[in-house]
C-alpha atoms as a PDB file:
ATOM      1  CA  MET A   1     148.475 197.147  79.714  1.00  0.00           C
ATOM      2  CA  ALA A   2     149.969 195.959  76.429  1.00  0.00           C
ATOM      3  CA  LEU A   3     147.655 195.143  73.522  1.00  0.00           C
ATOM      4  CA  ASP A   4     148.440 191.411  73.602  1.00  0.00           C
ATOM      5  CA  SER A   5     147.640 191.216  77.338  1.00  0.00           C
ATOM      6  CA  THR A   6     144.420 193.159  76.824  1.00  0.00           C
ATOM      7  CA  LEU A   7     143.372 190.878  73.965  1.00  0.00           C
ATOM      8  CA  ARG A   8     144.137 187.734  75.991  1.00  0.00           C
ATOM      9  CA  LEU A   9     142.104 189.009  78.954  1.00  0.00           C
ATOM     10  CA  LEU A  10     139.158 189.981  76.769  1.00  0.00           C
ATOM     11  CA  ALA A  11     139.260 186.662  74.918  1.00  0.00           C
ATOM     12  CA  LYS A  12     139.359 184.722  78.181  1.00  0.00           C
ATOM     13  CA  ALA A  13     136.563 186.807  79.707  1.00  0.00           C
ATOM     14  CA  ARG A  14     134.340 186.100  76.711  1.00  0.00           C
ATOM     15  CA  GLY A  15     135.431 182.488  76.288  1.00  0.00           C
ATOM     16  CA  LEU A  16     136.768 183.066  72.763  1.00  0.00           C
ATOM     17  CA  SER A  17     139.570 181.128  71.128  1.00  0.00           C
ATOM     18  CA  ALA A  18     141.922 182.534  68.484  1.00  0.00           C
ATOM     19  CA  THR A  19     139.792 180.736  65.888  1.00  0.00           C
ATOM     20  CA  ASP A  20     136.601 182.313  67.248  1.00  0.00           C
ATOM     21  CA  ILE A  21     138.163 185.769  67.101  1.00  0.00           C
ATOM     22  CA  ALA A  22     139.565 185.160  63.602  1.00  0.00           C
ATOM     23  CA  MET A  23     136.087 184.394  62.270  1.00  0.00           C
ATOM     24  CA  ALA A  24     134.972 187.903  63.317  1.00  0.00           C
ATOM     25  CA  ILE A  25     138.014 189.747  61.933  1.00  0.00           C
ATOM     26  CA  PRO A  26     138.430 190.524  58.211  1.00  0.00           C
ATOM     27  CA  LYS A  27     141.584 189.146  56.601  1.00  0.00           C
ATOM     28  CA  ALA A  28     142.803 187.460  59.768  1.00  0.00           C
ATOM     29  CA  GLY A  29     143.280 183.763  60.227  1.00  0.00           C
ATOM     30  CA  ALA A  30     143.688 181.939  63.509  1.00  0.00           C
ATOM     31  CA  ALA A  31     147.495 182.006  63.147  1.00  0.00           C
ATOM     32  CA  THR A  32     147.457 185.789  62.787  1.00  0.00           C
ATOM     33  CA  VAL A  33     145.162 186.225  65.787  1.00  0.00           C
ATOM     34  CA  SER A  34     147.410 183.907  67.790  1.00  0.00           C
ATOM     35  CA  ALA A  35     150.376 186.122  66.860  1.00  0.00           C
ATOM     36  CA  TRP A  36     148.446 189.173  68.145  1.00  0.00           C
ATOM     37  CA  LEU A  37     147.679 187.345  71.391  1.00  0.00           C
ATOM     38  CA  ARG A  38     151.377 186.534  71.821  1.00  0.00           C
ATOM     39  CA  GLY A  39     152.426 190.084  70.969  1.00  0.00           C
ATOM     40  CA  ASP A  40     154.386 188.961  67.908  1.00  0.00           C
ATOM     41  CA  LYS A  41     152.296 191.060  65.494  1.00  0.00           C
ATOM     42  CA  MET A  42     150.041 194.107  65.609  1.00  0.00           C
ATOM     43  CA  PRO A  43     146.636 194.257  63.948  1.00  0.00           C
ATOM     44  CA  GLY A  44     145.960 196.920  61.325  1.00  0.00           C
ATOM     45  CA  LYS A  45     143.386 199.701  61.755  1.00  0.00           C
ATOM     46  CA  ASP A  46     140.487 197.783  60.191  1.00  0.00           C
ATOM     47  CA  GLN A  47     141.372 194.741  62.243  1.00  0.00           C
ATOM     48  CA  LEU A  48     141.568 196.824  65.438  1.00  0.00           C
ATOM     49  CA  ASP A  49     138.135 198.244  64.725  1.00  0.00           C
ATOM     50  CA  ALA A  50     136.800 194.716  64.213  1.00  0.00           C
ATOM     51  CA  LEU A  51     138.489 193.523  67.426  1.00  0.00           C
ATOM     52  CA  ALA A  52     136.944 196.407  69.356  1.00  0.00           C
ATOM     53  CA  LYS A  53     133.519 195.562  67.941  1.00  0.00           C
ATOM     54  CA  THR A  54     133.998 191.863  68.708  1.00  0.00           C
ATOM     55  CA  PHE A  55     134.895 192.578  72.323  1.00  0.00           C
ATOM     56  CA  GLY A  56     132.448 195.452  72.743  1.00  0.00           C
ATOM     57  CA  VAL A  57     135.080 198.022  73.711  1.00  0.00           C
ATOM     58  CA  PRO A  58     136.322 201.253  72.094  1.00  0.00           C
ATOM     59  CA  ALA A  59     139.339 200.774  69.824  1.00  0.00           C
ATOM     60  CA  GLY A  60     141.182 203.409  71.857  1.00  0.00           C
ATOM     61  CA  ALA A  61     140.869 201.206  74.933  1.00  0.00           C
ATOM     62  CA  LEU A  62     142.762 198.452  73.121  1.00  0.00           C
ATOM     63  CA  LEU A  63     145.567 200.856  72.246  1.00  0.00           C
ATOM     64  CA  GLY A  64     145.891 202.764  75.511  1.00  0.00           C
ATOM     65  CA  GLU A  65     149.433 201.652  76.336  1.00  0.00           C
ATOM     66  CA  LEU A  66     150.584 201.684  72.729  1.00  0.00           C
ATOM     67  CA  ALA A  67     149.488 205.292  72.372  1.00  0.00           C
ATOM     68  CA  SER A  68     151.376 206.264  75.507  1.00  0.00           C
ATOM     69  CA  THR A  69     154.558 204.583  74.260  1.00  0.00           C
ATOM     70  CA  LEU A  70     154.359 206.421  70.953  1.00  0.00           C
ATOM     71  CA  ASP A  71     154.216 209.900  72.481  1.00  0.00           C
ATOM     72  CA  PRO A  72     155.331 212.225  69.666  1.00  0.00           C
ATOM     73  CA  ALA A  73     157.101 214.432  72.206  1.00  0.00           C
ATOM     74  CA  ARG A  74     159.616 211.645  72.760  1.00  0.00           C
ATOM     75  CA  THR A  75     162.632 211.212  70.530  1.00  0.00           C
ATOM     76  CA  LYS A  76     163.454 207.955  68.759  1.00  0.00           C
ATOM     77  CA  GLY A  77     166.195 207.379  71.327  1.00  0.00           C
ATOM     78  CA  GLU A  78     163.720 207.784  74.167  1.00  0.00           C
ATOM     79  CA  HIS A  79     161.392 205.238  72.572  1.00  0.00           C
ATOM     80  CA  GLU A  80     164.299 202.809  72.177  1.00  0.00           C
ATOM     81  CA  LEU A  81     165.426 203.379  75.755  1.00  0.00           C
ATOM     82  CA  LEU A  82     161.897 202.814  77.055  1.00  0.00           C
ATOM     83  CA  ALA A  83     161.539 199.608  75.041  1.00  0.00           C
ATOM     84  CA  ALA A  84     164.880 198.312  76.361  1.00  0.00           C
ATOM     85  CA  TYR A  85     163.934 199.306  79.928  1.00  0.00           C
ATOM     86  CA  ARG A  86     160.704 197.313  79.691  1.00  0.00           C
ATOM     87  CA  GLU A  87     162.686 194.187  78.807  1.00  0.00           C
ATOM     88  CA  LEU A  88     164.649 194.342  82.089  1.00  0.00           C
ATOM     89  CA  THR A  89     163.700 192.619  85.322  1.00  0.00           C
ATOM     90  CA  SER A  90     162.375 194.864  88.089  1.00  0.00           C
ATOM     91  CA  LYS A  91     165.706 194.537  89.920  1.00  0.00           C
ATOM     92  CA  GLN A  92     167.591 195.607  86.794  1.00  0.00           C
ATOM     93  CA  GLN A  93     165.156 198.499  86.276  1.00  0.00           C
ATOM     94  CA  GLY A  94     165.803 199.707  89.829  1.00  0.00           C
ATOM     95  CA  ALA A  95     169.566 199.567  89.351  1.00  0.00           C
ATOM     96  CA  LEU A  96     169.333 201.428  86.058  1.00  0.00           C
ATOM     97  CA  LEU A  97     167.166 204.135  87.639  1.00  0.00           C
ATOM     98  CA  GLU A  98     169.739 204.620  90.412  1.00  0.00           C
ATOM     99  CA  ILE A  99     172.468 205.085  87.808  1.00  0.00           C
ATOM    100  CA  ALA A 100     170.346 207.509  85.775  1.00  0.00           C
ATOM    101  CA  ARG A 101     169.491 209.561  88.856  1.00  0.00           C
ATOM    102  CA  GLY A 102     173.159 209.693  89.804  1.00  0.00           C
ATOM    103  CA  LEU A 103     174.081 210.903  86.330  1.00  0.00           C
ATOM    104  CA  ALA A 104     171.357 213.556  86.482  1.00  0.00           C
ATOM    105  CA  ASP A 105     172.606 214.752  89.877  1.00  0.00           C
ATOM    106  CA  VAL A 106     176.163 215.101  88.521  1.00  0.00           C
ATOM    107  CA  ARG A 107     174.859 217.121  85.581  1.00  0.00           C
ATOM    108  CA  ILE A 108     172.879 219.437  87.870  1.00  0.00           C
ATOM    109  CA  GLU A 109     175.914 219.962  90.088  1.00  0.00           C
ATOM    110  CA  ARG A 110     178.050 220.852  87.059  1.00  0.00           C
ATOM    111  CA  LYS A 111     175.479 223.410  85.899  1.00  0.00           C
ATOM    112  CA  ARG A 112     175.490 225.004  89.362  1.00  0.00           C
ATOM    113  CA  ALA A 113     179.275 225.144  89.368  1.00  0.00           C
ATOM    114  CA  VAL A 114     179.298 226.902  85.999  1.00  0.00           C
ATOM    115  CA  LYS A 115     176.781 229.506  87.226  1.00  0.00           C
ATOM    116  CA  ASP A 116     178.802 230.283  90.346  1.00  0.00           C
END
């Protein structure tokens, strides 16, 4: 789950508004917290620690999906492709996967032909 979705769920579960959360976070006003809840901005490390403390969860739990999207084994192009893929509708994602699988099959067939 994305950080903004996680924050919204935690805020709702605890009955906290953006203003309530902002009062517990250093150097963060209600507008900044609202931007985090919308996914427009990301909190800094100190702010993440304060958010985790406010919600009573480990900071790593807030960043679970973010950490998986920033896998250092992936190239910049892979990160960009993944970000673009996530913006598509599920129907578009399915069509794109069919195309990618077809391209991969063609590549495998070419490798086999070269070996033979």
